[in-house]
Amino acid sequence: MARILAILTILMVGIANAPSEAQQKPAPDEAAIRQAVQSYVEAYNRADAAAVAAHWSDDGEYVSPSGESFKGRKKIEAALKEFFKENQGMQLQVSPAAITFPSPNRATETGTAVITRPGQPLEETQYAAIYVKKGGQWKLAGVKEEEAPVVAPAYEHLKELEWLIGEWVDADEKAVVDTAYQWARDKSFITASFSVKVRGRLDLQGTQVIGWDPVKKTVRSWVFDSQGGFGESIWTKQGDQWHAKLSSVLPSGEKASAINIFTCVDPNAFTFQSIGREAGGEPLPNIEEVKVVRKQSTLQPSGRPSKRGGP
């Protein structure tokens, strides 16, 4: 019973005791792609069409938010030259959200691109990029951009929890817990999926939704697990902490409760603790404060993020 409640409380907004491996430097291929992102943006902001095009494979394809396509490095370079001529003083920023490797010589990257022009509002798009590794170098095989979705009014109340977005992991010699948070379309909710593996066997899965209750004027969250447990939390911000008052029902039918406390430390870490825990009317030990670390593949830059974009 205590173990189930501990899982429910920890998974409400993050995973405790993330492994030290998550704090290590990115793997060589991921580091190479992040360096390519930075190089791409530096060339883009110099309006150096040839240097930007050099990041593309010979048959790479760029698709703009309007659906216009430019296929091949030469066509992309020509489009860039014309674009830079007509948009002097423009600057690009890119925030890579995730880099994955479907195969040893293929990678995908998703993120957000922001363009600034003198005296004009910011322009934001979301992108998905495909890389191929040729001759030991990662080249862009495709980039597709889409206009950023319209932000729902609820976002104004949820944006202070935006640091949750990404992937988190907790692992030891017995168990591994993976959780991934993402925005629902229009940023109206934060959704999450989680799984727990014990000694390599899938033991528990679940989902969570964090949203704004316009009637009660508060942040609420709901969690459901594959064993039949479910819970609801009411969130309040106290100083630099978020307190989530949890009421849940265990698979046995017994009621449980706790107050979960979360403090964002930096873009890649926060602390978690759980106090006032009860199950079936009996008190349970507190979960002392632990540090939660972002999964390696979604590490955020500690300073201003590097940026990249298409033509």
C-alpha atoms as a PDB file:
ATOM      1  CA  MET A   1       0.000   0.000   0.000  1.00  0.00           C
ATOM      2  CA  ALA A   2       2.759   2.449   0.917  1.00  0.00           C
ATOM      3  CA  ARG A   3       4.595   1.621  -2.297  1.00  0.00           C
ATOM      4  CA  ILE A   4       1.521   2.279  -4.460  1.00  0.00           C
ATOM      5  CA  LEU A   5       0.832   5.585  -2.750  1.00  0.00           C
ATOM      6  CA  ALA A   6       4.463   6.600  -3.131  1.00  0.00           C
ATOM      7  CA  ILE A   7       4.265   5.941  -6.881  1.00  0.00           C
ATOM      8  CA  LEU A   8       1.029   7.919  -7.196  1.00  0.00           C
ATOM      9  CA  THR A   9       2.378  10.908  -5.284  1.00  0.00           C
ATOM     10  CA  ILE A  10       5.722  11.012  -7.062  1.00  0.00           C
ATOM     11  CA  LEU A  11       4.183  10.625 -10.510  1.00  0.00           C
ATOM     12  CA  MET A  12       1.815  13.529 -10.043  1.00  0.00           C
ATOM     13  CA  VAL A  13       4.350  15.947 -11.511  1.00  0.00           C
ATOM     14  CA  GLY A  14       7.739  14.263 -11.751  1.00  0.00           C
ATOM     15  CA  ILE A  15      10.036  11.390 -10.936  1.00  0.00           C
ATOM     16  CA  ALA A  16      12.157  11.296  -7.811  1.00  0.00           C
ATOM     17  CA  ASN A  17      15.760  10.191  -7.471  1.00  0.00           C
ATOM     18  CA  ALA A  18      16.694  10.502 -11.164  1.00  0.00           C
ATOM     19  CA  PRO A  19      19.955   8.647 -11.845  1.00  0.00           C
ATOM     20  CA  SER A  20      23.265  10.432 -11.907  1.00  0.00           C
ATOM     21  CA  GLU A  21      23.717   9.316 -15.536  1.00  0.00           C
ATOM     22  CA  ALA A  22      21.107  11.886 -16.521  1.00  0.00           C
ATOM     23  CA  GLN A  23      23.477  14.634 -15.430  1.00  0.00           C
ATOM     24  CA  GLN A  24      26.298  13.462 -17.637  1.00  0.00           C
ATOM     25  CA  LYS A  25      27.224  15.165 -20.891  1.00  0.00           C
ATOM     26  CA  PRO A  26      25.203  14.245 -23.999  1.00  0.00           C
ATOM     27  CA  ALA A  27      26.404  11.275 -26.050  1.00  0.00           C
ATOM     28  CA  PRO A  28      28.804  12.178 -28.902  1.00  0.00           C
ATOM     29  CA  ASP A  29      26.167  12.050 -31.663  1.00  0.00           C
ATOM     30  CA  GLU A  30      23.715  14.168 -29.694  1.00  0.00           C
ATOM     31  CA  ALA A  31      26.468  16.650 -28.858  1.00  0.00           C
ATOM     32  CA  ALA A  32      27.402  16.810 -32.553  1.00  0.00           C
ATOM     33  CA  ILE A  33      23.827  17.619 -33.544  1.00  0.00           C
ATOM     34  CA  ARG A  34      23.526  20.295 -30.875  1.00  0.00           C
ATOM     35  CA  GLN A  35      26.766  21.816 -32.152  1.00  0.00           C
ATOM     36  CA  ALA A  36      25.361  21.720 -35.697  1.00  0.00           C
ATOM     37  CA  VAL A  37      22.259  23.530 -34.443  1.00  0.00           C
ATOM     38  CA  GLN A  38      24.402  26.286 -32.965  1.00  0.00           C
ATOM     39  CA  SER A  39      26.537  26.543 -36.116  1.00  0.00           C
ATOM     40  CA  TYR A  40      23.402  26.682 -38.283  1.00  0.00           C
ATOM     41  CA  VAL A  41      21.927  29.574 -36.301  1.00  0.00           C
ATOM     42  CA  GLU A  42      25.182  31.534 -36.257  1.00  0.00           C
ATOM     43  CA  ALA A  43      25.391  31.273 -40.055  1.00  0.00           C
ATOM     44  CA  TYR A  44      21.689  32.123 -40.400  1.00  0.00           C
ATOM     45  CA  ASN A  45      22.052  35.260 -38.278  1.00  0.00           C
ATOM     46  CA  ARG A  46      25.050  36.344 -40.379  1.00  0.00           C
ATOM     47  CA  ALA A  47      22.780  35.991 -43.445  1.00  0.00           C
ATOM     48  CA  ASP A  48      25.371  33.582 -44.895  1.00  0.00           C
ATOM     49  CA  ALA A  49      23.263  31.512 -47.285  1.00  0.00           C
ATOM     50  CA  ALA A  50      26.144  29.270 -48.402  1.00  0.00           C
ATOM     51  CA  ALA A  51      27.151  28.423 -44.805  1.00  0.00           C
ATOM     52  CA  VAL A  52      23.550  27.622 -43.863  1.00  0.00           C
ATOM     53  CA  ALA A  53      23.043  25.453 -46.952  1.00  0.00           C
ATOM     54  CA  ALA A  54      26.216  23.522 -46.110  1.00  0.00           C
ATOM     55  CA  HIS A  55      24.328  22.001 -43.172  1.00  0.00           C
ATOM     56  CA  TRP A  56      21.948  20.278 -45.583  1.00  0.00           C
ATOM     57  CA  SER A  57      22.351  17.002 -47.430  1.00  0.00           C
ATOM     58  CA  ASP A  58      22.444  17.178 -51.237  1.00  0.00           C
ATOM     59  CA  ASP A  59      18.794  16.116 -51.548  1.00  0.00           C
ATOM     60  CA  GLY A  60      17.477  17.692 -48.339  1.00  0.00           C
ATOM     61  CA  GLU A  61      14.012  19.237 -48.351  1.00  0.00           C
ATOM     62  CA  TYR A  62      12.586  22.200 -46.461  1.00  0.00           C
ATOM     63  CA  VAL A  63       8.804  22.700 -46.146  1.00  0.00           C
ATOM     64  CA  SER A  64       7.610  26.112 -44.965  1.00  0.00           C
ATOM     65  CA  PRO A  65       4.551  26.746 -42.757  1.00  0.00           C
ATOM     66  CA  SER A  66       2.623  27.728 -45.895  1.00  0.00           C
ATOM     67  CA  GLY A  67       3.459  24.360 -47.497  1.00  0.00           C
ATOM     68  CA  GLU A  68       6.035  25.698 -49.979  1.00  0.00           C
ATOM     69  CA  SER A  69       8.809  23.159 -50.606  1.00  0.00           C
ATOM     70  CA  PHE A  70      12.486  23.623 -51.511  1.00  0.00           C
ATOM     71  CA  LYS A  71      14.247  20.370 -52.393  1.00  0.00           C
ATOM     72  CA  GLY A  72      17.990  20.054 -52.816  1.00  0.00           C
ATOM     73  CA  ARG A  73      20.869  22.005 -51.284  1.00  0.00           C
ATOM     74  CA  LYS A  74      21.244  24.319 -54.288  1.00  0.00           C
ATOM     75  CA  LYS A  75      17.576  25.341 -54.273  1.00  0.00           C
ATOM     76  CA  ILE A  76      17.670  25.884 -50.525  1.00  0.00           C
ATOM     77  CA  GLU A  77      20.751  28.110 -50.863  1.00  0.00           C
ATOM     78  CA  ALA A  78      19.114  30.144 -53.651  1.00  0.00           C
ATOM     79  CA  ALA A  79      15.965  30.595 -51.560  1.00  0.00           C
ATOM     80  CA  LEU A  80      18.047  31.678 -48.585  1.00  0.00           C
ATOM     81  CA  LYS A  81      19.935  34.295 -50.591  1.00  0.00           C
ATOM     82  CA  GLU A  82      16.666  35.851 -51.749  1.00  0.00           C
ATOM     83  CA  PHE A  83      15.164  35.603 -48.267  1.00  0.00           C
ATOM     84  CA  PHE A  84      18.123  37.298 -46.571  1.00  0.00           C
ATOM     85  CA  LYS A  85      18.096  40.068 -49.171  1.00  0.00           C
ATOM     86  CA  GLU A  86      14.451  40.837 -48.401  1.00  0.00           C
ATOM     87  CA  ASN A  87      14.725  40.452 -44.605  1.00  0.00           C
ATOM     88  CA  GLN A  88      17.770  42.397 -43.476  1.00  0.00           C
ATOM     89  CA  GLY A  89      18.393  42.554 -39.742  1.00  0.00           C
ATOM     90  CA  MET A  90      16.360  39.426 -39.053  1.00  0.00           C
ATOM     91  CA  GLN A  91      17.531  37.124 -36.251  1.00  0.00           C
ATOM     92  CA  LEU A  92      16.649  33.509 -35.565  1.00  0.00           C
ATOM     93  CA  GLN A  93      16.433  31.572 -32.315  1.00  0.00           C
ATOM     94  CA  VAL A  94      15.722  27.853 -32.018  1.00  0.00           C
ATOM     95  CA  SER A  95      14.881  25.803 -28.923  1.00  0.00           C
ATOM     96  CA  PRO A  96      15.444  22.076 -29.553  1.00  0.00           C
ATOM     97  CA  ALA A  97      12.883  20.148 -27.490  1.00  0.00           C
ATOM     98  CA  ALA A  98      14.030  16.588 -28.133  1.00  0.00           C
ATOM     99  CA  ILE A  99      16.656  14.672 -30.150  1.00  0.00           C
ATOM    100  CA  THR A 100      16.161  10.965 -30.780  1.00  0.00           C
ATOM    101  CA  PHE A 101      18.022   8.292 -32.770  1.00  0.00           C
ATOM    102  CA  PRO A 102      15.773   5.793 -34.605  1.00  0.00           C
ATOM    103  CA  SER A 103      18.927   4.225 -36.075  1.00  0.00           C
ATOM    104  CA  PRO A 104      22.705   4.772 -35.770  1.00  0.00           C
ATOM    105  CA  ASN A 105      22.817   6.998 -38.879  1.00  0.00           C
ATOM    106  CA  ARG A 106      19.471   8.741 -38.534  1.00  0.00           C
ATOM    107  CA  ALA A 107      18.193  11.279 -35.987  1.00  0.00           C
ATOM    108  CA  THR A 108      15.123  13.406 -35.421  1.00  0.00           C
ATOM    109  CA  GLU A 109      14.851  16.754 -33.698  1.00  0.00           C
ATOM    110  CA  THR A 110      11.769  18.745 -32.708  1.00  0.00           C
ATOM    111  CA  GLY A 111      11.574  22.226 -31.305  1.00  0.00           C
ATOM    112  CA  THR A 112      10.471  25.839 -31.615  1.00  0.00           C
ATOM    113  CA  ALA A 113      11.883  28.560 -33.874  1.00  0.00           C
ATOM    114  CA  VAL A 114      11.460  32.282 -33.238  1.00  0.00           C
ATOM    115  CA  ILE A 115      12.251  35.030 -35.767  1.00  0.00           C
ATOM    116  CA  THR A 116      12.671  38.682 -34.827  1.00  0.00           C
ATOM    117  CA  ARG A 117      12.629  41.548 -37.301  1.00  0.00           C
ATOM    118  CA  PRO A 118      13.383  45.187 -36.415  1.00  0.00           C
ATOM    119  CA  GLY A 119      10.209  46.919 -35.277  1.00  0.00           C
ATOM    120  CA  GLN A 120       7.982  43.853 -35.803  1.00  0.00           C
ATOM    121  CA  PRO A 121       6.369  41.300 -33.477  1.00  0.00           C
ATOM    122  CA  LEU A 122       8.024  37.931 -32.867  1.00  0.00           C
ATOM    123  CA  GLU A 123       7.139  35.108 -35.249  1.00  0.00           C
ATOM    124  CA  GLU A 124       7.075  31.612 -33.744  1.00  0.00           C
ATOM    125  CA  THR A 125       6.896  28.243 -35.487  1.00  0.00           C
ATOM    126  CA  GLN A 126       7.269  24.612 -34.476  1.00  0.00           C
ATOM    127  CA  TYR A 127       9.570  22.370 -36.494  1.00  0.00           C
ATOM    128  CA  ALA A 128      10.517  18.741 -37.012  1.00  0.00           C
ATOM    129  CA  ALA A 129      13.932  17.942 -38.494  1.00  0.00           C
ATOM    130  CA  ILE A 130      15.461  14.741 -39.824  1.00  0.00           C
ATOM    131  CA  TYR A 131      19.230  14.215 -39.878  1.00  0.00           C
ATOM    132  CA  VAL A 132      21.340  11.649 -41.702  1.00  0.00           C
ATOM    133  CA  LYS A 133      24.941  10.812 -40.900  1.00  0.00           C
ATOM    134  CA  LYS A 134      27.221  10.859 -43.936  1.00  0.00           C
ATOM    135  CA  GLY A 135      30.990  10.765 -43.853  1.00  0.00           C
ATOM    136  CA  GLY A 136      30.926  11.119 -40.081  1.00  0.00           C
ATOM    137  CA  GLN A 137      28.873  14.343 -40.234  1.00  0.00           C
ATOM    138  CA  TRP A 138      25.214  14.945 -39.445  1.00  0.00           C
ATOM    139  CA  LYS A 139      23.354  16.664 -42.287  1.00  0.00           C
ATOM    140  CA  LEU A 140      19.771  17.850 -42.541  1.00  0.00           C
ATOM    141  CA  ALA A 141      17.647  15.597 -44.739  1.00  0.00           C
ATOM    142  CA  GLY A 142      14.386  17.387 -44.049  1.00  0.00           C
ATOM    143  CA  VAL A 143      12.807  20.183 -42.039  1.00  0.00           C
ATOM    144  CA  LYS A 144       9.100  20.927 -41.802  1.00  0.00           C
ATOM    145  CA  GLU A 145       7.811  24.030 -40.059  1.00  0.00           C
ATOM    146  CA  GLU A 146       4.281  24.802 -38.898  1.00  0.00           C
ATOM    147  CA  GLU A 147       2.784  27.909 -37.379  1.00  0.00           C
ATOM    148  CA  ALA A 148       2.742  27.729 -33.595  1.00  0.00           C
ATOM    149  CA  PRO A 149      -0.762  26.819 -32.371  1.00  0.00           C
ATOM    150  CA  VAL A 150      -3.003  29.480 -30.910  1.00  0.00           C
ATOM    151  CA  VAL A 151      -2.441  29.574 -27.169  1.00  0.00           C
ATOM    152  CA  ALA A 152      -5.535  28.846 -25.084  1.00  0.00           C
ATOM    153  CA  PRO A 153      -6.472  31.206 -22.203  1.00  0.00           C
ATOM    154  CA  ALA A 154      -5.594  28.415 -19.741  1.00  0.00           C
ATOM    155  CA  TYR A 155      -1.928  28.764 -20.714  1.00  0.00           C
ATOM    156  CA  GLU A 156      -1.645  31.989 -18.740  1.00  0.00           C
ATOM    157  CA  HIS A 157      -2.372  29.979 -15.593  1.00  0.00           C
ATOM    158  CA  LEU A 158      -0.218  26.965 -16.511  1.00  0.00           C
ATOM    159  CA  LYS A 159       2.874  28.625 -17.972  1.00  0.00           C
ATOM    160  CA  GLU A 160       4.632  28.692 -14.603  1.00  0.00           C
ATOM    161  CA  LEU A 161       4.712  24.868 -14.831  1.00  0.00           C
ATOM    162  CA  GLU A 162       6.246  24.900 -18.309  1.00  0.00           C
ATOM    163  CA  TRP A 163       9.558  23.692 -16.899  1.00  0.00           C
ATOM    164  CA  LEU A 164       7.931  20.254 -16.591  1.00  0.00           C
ATOM    165  CA  ILE A 165       7.787  19.793 -20.368  1.00  0.00           C
ATOM    166  CA  GLY A 166      10.187  17.037 -21.477  1.00  0.00           C
ATOM    167  CA  GLU A 167      11.262  13.601 -20.298  1.00  0.00           C
ATOM    168  CA  TRP A 168      12.305  12.446 -16.830  1.00  0.00           C
ATOM    169  CA  VAL A 169      13.644   9.159 -15.518  1.00  0.00           C
ATOM    170  CA  ASP A 170      14.133   7.508 -12.139  1.00  0.00           C
ATOM    171  CA  ALA A 171      16.165   4.293 -12.007  1.00  0.00           C
ATOM    172  CA  ASP A 172      18.037   2.057  -9.613  1.00  0.00           C
ATOM    173  CA  GLU A 173      19.185  -1.550  -9.672  1.00  0.00           C
ATOM    174  CA  LYS A 174      15.595  -2.790  -9.256  1.00  0.00           C
ATOM    175  CA  ALA A 175      13.246  -0.408 -11.069  1.00  0.00           C
ATOM    176  CA  VAL A 176      13.047   2.209 -13.832  1.00  0.00           C
ATOM    177  CA  VAL A 177      10.331   4.875 -14.020  1.00  0.00           C
ATOM    178  CA  ASP A 178       9.961   6.949 -17.215  1.00  0.00           C
ATOM    179  CA  THR A 179       7.696   9.999 -17.508  1.00  0.00           C
ATOM    180  CA  ALA A 180       7.148  12.361 -20.454  1.00  0.00           C
ATOM    181  CA  TYR A 181       5.277  15.678 -20.208  1.00  0.00           C
ATOM    182  CA  GLN A 182       4.026  17.651 -23.199  1.00  0.00           C
ATOM    183  CA  TRP A 183       1.609  20.434 -24.004  1.00  0.00           C
ATOM    184  CA  ALA A 184      -1.779  19.484 -25.380  1.00  0.00           C
ATOM    185  CA  ARG A 185      -2.679  21.387 -28.537  1.00  0.00           C
ATOM    186  CA  ASP A 186      -3.159  25.124 -27.916  1.00  0.00           C
ATOM    187  CA  LYS A 187      -1.427  24.660 -24.553  1.00  0.00           C
ATOM    188  CA  SER A 188      -4.751  24.155 -22.780  1.00  0.00           C
ATOM    189  CA  PHE A 189      -3.434  21.236 -20.685  1.00  0.00           C
ATOM    190  CA  ILE A 190      -0.160  19.549 -19.782  1.00  0.00           C
ATOM    191  CA  THR A 191      -0.419  15.823 -20.437  1.00  0.00           C
ATOM    192  CA  ALA A 192       1.884  13.094 -19.201  1.00  0.00           C
ATOM    193  CA  SER A 193       2.456   9.378 -19.635  1.00  0.00           C
ATOM    194  CA  PHE A 194       4.473   7.228 -17.265  1.00  0.00           C
ATOM    195  CA  SER A 195       5.641   3.643 -16.931  1.00  0.00           C
ATOM    196  CA  VAL A 196       7.257   1.648 -14.147  1.00  0.00           C
ATOM    197  CA  LYS A 197       9.466  -1.365 -14.837  1.00  0.00           C
ATOM    198  CA  VAL A 198      10.588  -3.614 -11.995  1.00  0.00           C
ATOM    199  CA  ARG A 199      13.530  -5.918 -12.780  1.00  0.00           C
ATOM    200  CA  GLY A 200      12.893  -5.392 -16.485  1.00  0.00           C
ATOM    201  CA  ARG A 201       9.174  -6.232 -16.324  1.00  0.00           C
ATOM    202  CA  LEU A 202       6.491  -3.613 -16.985  1.00  0.00           C
ATOM    203  CA  ASP A 203       4.713  -3.187 -13.661  1.00  0.00           C
ATOM    204  CA  LEU A 204       2.604  -0.047 -14.027  1.00  0.00           C
ATOM    205  CA  GLN A 205       1.543   2.495 -16.642  1.00  0.00           C
ATOM    206  CA  GLY A 206      -0.532   5.606 -16.376  1.00  0.00           C
ATOM    207  CA  THR A 207      -1.530   9.041 -17.581  1.00  0.00           C
ATOM    208  CA  GLN A 208      -1.844  12.445 -15.996  1.00  0.00           C
ATOM    209  CA  VAL A 209      -3.509  15.713 -17.021  1.00  0.00           C
ATOM    210  CA  ILE A 210      -2.753  19.109 -15.461  1.00  0.00           C
ATOM    211  CA  GLY A 211      -5.202  21.905 -16.220  1.00  0.00           C
ATOM    212  CA  TRP A 212      -6.815  25.153 -15.129  1.00  0.00           C
ATOM    213  CA  ASP A 213     -10.244  25.028 -13.491  1.00  0.00           C
ATOM    214  CA  PRO A 214     -11.985  28.276 -14.527  1.00  0.00           C
ATOM    215  CA  VAL A 215     -14.824  27.697 -12.052  1.00  0.00           C
ATOM    216  CA  LYS A 216     -12.716  27.062  -8.939  1.00  0.00           C
ATOM    217  CA  LYS A 217      -9.979  29.404 -10.240  1.00  0.00           C
ATOM    218  CA  THR A 218      -7.192  26.939  -9.477  1.00  0.00           C
ATOM    219  CA  VAL A 219      -4.783  24.512 -11.125  1.00  0.00           C
ATOM    220  CA  ARG A 220      -5.960  20.907 -10.891  1.00  0.00           C
ATOM    221  CA  SER A 221      -4.495  17.577 -11.978  1.00  0.00           C
ATOM    222  CA  TRP A 222      -5.841  14.078 -12.510  1.00  0.00           C
ATOM    223  CA  VAL A 223      -3.880  10.816 -12.630  1.00  0.00           C
ATOM    224  CA  PHE A 224      -4.951   7.292 -13.636  1.00  0.00           C
ATOM    225  CA  ASP A 225      -2.862   4.116 -13.475  1.00  0.00           C
ATOM    226  CA  SER A 226      -3.152   0.706 -15.126  1.00  0.00           C
ATOM    227  CA  GLN A 227      -3.833  -1.047 -11.814  1.00  0.00           C
ATOM    228  CA  GLY A 228      -7.038   0.923 -11.278  1.00  0.00           C
ATOM    229  CA  GLY A 229      -5.759   3.672  -8.991  1.00  0.00           C
ATOM    230  CA  PHE A 230      -6.704   7.291  -9.629  1.00  0.00           C
ATOM    231  CA  GLY A 231      -6.318  10.646  -7.958  1.00  0.00           C
ATOM    232  CA  GLU A 232      -6.950  14.366  -8.118  1.00  0.00           C
ATOM    233  CA  SER A 233      -4.853  17.272  -6.833  1.00  0.00           C
ATOM    234  CA  ILE A 234      -5.546  20.937  -6.105  1.00  0.00           C
ATOM    235  CA  TRP A 235      -2.486  23.111  -6.722  1.00  0.00           C
ATOM    236  CA  THR A 236      -1.436  26.355  -5.036  1.00  0.00           C
ATOM    237  CA  LYS A 237       1.765  28.319  -5.372  1.00  0.00           C
ATOM    238  CA  GLN A 238       3.465  29.322  -2.146  1.00  0.00           C
ATOM    239  CA  GLY A 239       6.568  31.420  -2.718  1.00  0.00           C
ATOM    240  CA  ASP A 240       8.784  29.474  -5.097  1.00  0.00           C
ATOM    241  CA  GLN A 241       7.020  26.185  -4.332  1.00  0.00           C
ATOM    242  CA  TRP A 242       3.984  24.433  -5.737  1.00  0.00           C
ATOM    243  CA  HIS A 243       1.847  22.548  -3.203  1.00  0.00           C
ATOM    244  CA  ALA A 244      -0.401  19.869  -4.724  1.00  0.00           C
ATOM    245  CA  LYS A 245      -2.995  18.511  -2.279  1.00  0.00           C
ATOM    246  CA  LEU A 246      -3.687  14.973  -3.463  1.00  0.00           C
ATOM    247  CA  SER A 247      -6.800  12.878  -2.852  1.00  0.00           C
ATOM    248  CA  SER A 248      -6.648   9.427  -4.413  1.00  0.00           C
ATOM    249  CA  VAL A 249      -8.293   6.027  -4.475  1.00  0.00           C
ATOM    250  CA  LEU A 250      -6.018   2.976  -4.402  1.00  0.00           C
ATOM    251  CA  PRO A 251      -6.776  -0.173  -6.444  1.00  0.00           C
ATOM    252  CA  SER A 252      -8.031  -1.776  -3.216  1.00  0.00           C
ATOM    253  CA  GLY A 253     -10.697   0.924  -2.880  1.00  0.00           C
ATOM    254  CA  GLU A 254      -9.032   2.570   0.092  1.00  0.00           C
ATOM    255  CA  LYS A 255      -8.695   6.335   0.082  1.00  0.00           C
ATOM    256  CA  ALA A 256      -5.317   8.020   0.320  1.00  0.00           C
ATOM    257  CA  SER A 257      -4.047  11.586   0.572  1.00  0.00           C
ATOM    258  CA  ALA A 258      -0.865  13.625   0.647  1.00  0.00           C
ATOM    259  CA  ILE A 259       0.550  17.089   0.061  1.00  0.00           C
ATOM    260  CA  ASN A 260       3.213  17.057  -2.642  1.00  0.00           C
ATOM    261  CA  ILE A 261       5.662  19.949  -2.759  1.00  0.00           C
ATOM    262  CA  PHE A 262       7.645  20.878  -5.890  1.00  0.00           C
ATOM    263  CA  THR A 263      10.350  23.499  -6.254  1.00  0.00           C
ATOM    264  CA  CYS A 264      11.969  24.287  -9.610  1.00  0.00           C
ATOM    265  CA  VAL A 265      15.738  24.507  -9.115  1.00  0.00           C
ATOM    266  CA  ASP A 266      16.802  25.225 -12.708  1.00  0.00           C
ATOM    267  CA  PRO A 267      15.644  24.148 -16.218  1.00  0.00           C
ATOM    268  CA  ASN A 268      16.974  20.629 -15.623  1.00  0.00           C
ATOM    269  CA  ALA A 269      16.126  19.947 -11.990  1.00  0.00           C
ATOM    270  CA  PHE A 270      13.500  20.385  -9.328  1.00  0.00           C
ATOM    271  CA  THR A 271      12.960  19.054  -5.815  1.00  0.00           C
ATOM    272  CA  PHE A 272      10.047  16.902  -4.660  1.00  0.00           C
ATOM    273  CA  GLN A 273       8.759  15.941  -1.260  1.00  0.00           C
ATOM    274  CA  SER A 274       5.496  14.475   0.035  1.00  0.00           C
ATOM    275  CA  ILE A 275       4.107  15.176   3.499  1.00  0.00           C
ATOM    276  CA  GLY A 276       0.946  14.447   5.458  1.00  0.00           C
ATOM    277  CA  ARG A 277       0.554  11.077   3.757  1.00  0.00           C
ATOM    278  CA  GLU A 278      -2.293   8.757   4.711  1.00  0.00           C
ATOM    279  CA  ALA A 279      -3.814   5.564   3.299  1.00  0.00           C
ATOM    280  CA  GLY A 280      -6.903   3.837   4.655  1.00  0.00           C
ATOM    281  CA  GLY A 281      -6.975   6.301   7.540  1.00  0.00           C
ATOM    282  CA  GLU A 282      -3.470   5.312   8.665  1.00  0.00           C
ATOM    283  CA  PRO A 283      -0.509   7.723   8.559  1.00  0.00           C
ATOM    284  CA  LEU A 284       2.442   6.899   6.303  1.00  0.00           C
ATOM    285  CA  PRO A 285       6.038   8.176   6.490  1.00  0.00           C
ATOM    286  CA  ASN A 286       6.836  11.374   4.623  1.00  0.00           C
ATOM    287  CA  ILE A 287       8.887  11.244   1.447  1.00  0.00           C
ATOM    288  CA  GLU A 288      11.852  13.471   2.228  1.00  0.00           C
ATOM    289  CA  GLU A 289      12.987  16.076  -0.287  1.00  0.00           C
ATOM    290  CA  VAL A 290      14.716  14.581  -3.336  1.00  0.00           C
ATOM    291  CA  LYS A 291      16.214  16.125  -6.439  1.00  0.00           C
ATOM    292  CA  VAL A 292      14.612  15.238  -9.782  1.00  0.00           C
ATOM    293  CA  VAL A 293      16.752  15.534 -12.937  1.00  0.00           C
ATOM    294  CA  ARG A 294      15.712  15.863 -16.560  1.00  0.00           C
ATOM    295  CA  LYS A 295      16.396  12.908 -18.835  1.00  0.00           C
ATOM    296  CA  GLN A 296      19.593  13.270 -20.875  1.00  0.00           C
ATOM    297  CA  SER A 297      17.907  13.369 -24.299  1.00  0.00           C
ATOM    298  CA  THR A 298      15.832  16.418 -23.305  1.00  0.00           C
ATOM    299  CA  LEU A 299      18.398  18.442 -21.360  1.00  0.00           C
ATOM    300  CA  GLN A 300      17.773  22.164 -21.708  1.00  0.00           C
ATOM    301  CA  PRO A 301      20.670  24.612 -22.179  1.00  0.00           C
ATOM    302  CA  SER A 302      21.615  26.261 -18.916  1.00  0.00           C
ATOM    303  CA  GLY A 303      21.817  29.674 -20.540  1.00  0.00           C
ATOM    304  CA  ARG A 304      20.026  31.192 -23.531  1.00  0.00           C
ATOM    305  CA  PRO A 305      19.248  28.320 -25.909  1.00  0.00           C
ATOM    306  CA  SER A 306      21.026  27.813 -29.198  1.00  0.00           C
ATOM    307  CA  LYS A 307      18.775  28.436 -32.230  1.00  0.00           C
ATOM    308  CA  ARG A 308      18.272  27.028 -35.704  1.00  0.00           C
ATOM    309  CA  GLY A 309      15.703  27.235 -38.487  1.00  0.00           C
ATOM    310  CA  GLY A 310      14.955  26.554 -42.139  1.00  0.00           C
ATOM    311  CA  PRO A 311      14.935  28.993 -45.074  1.00  0.00           C
END
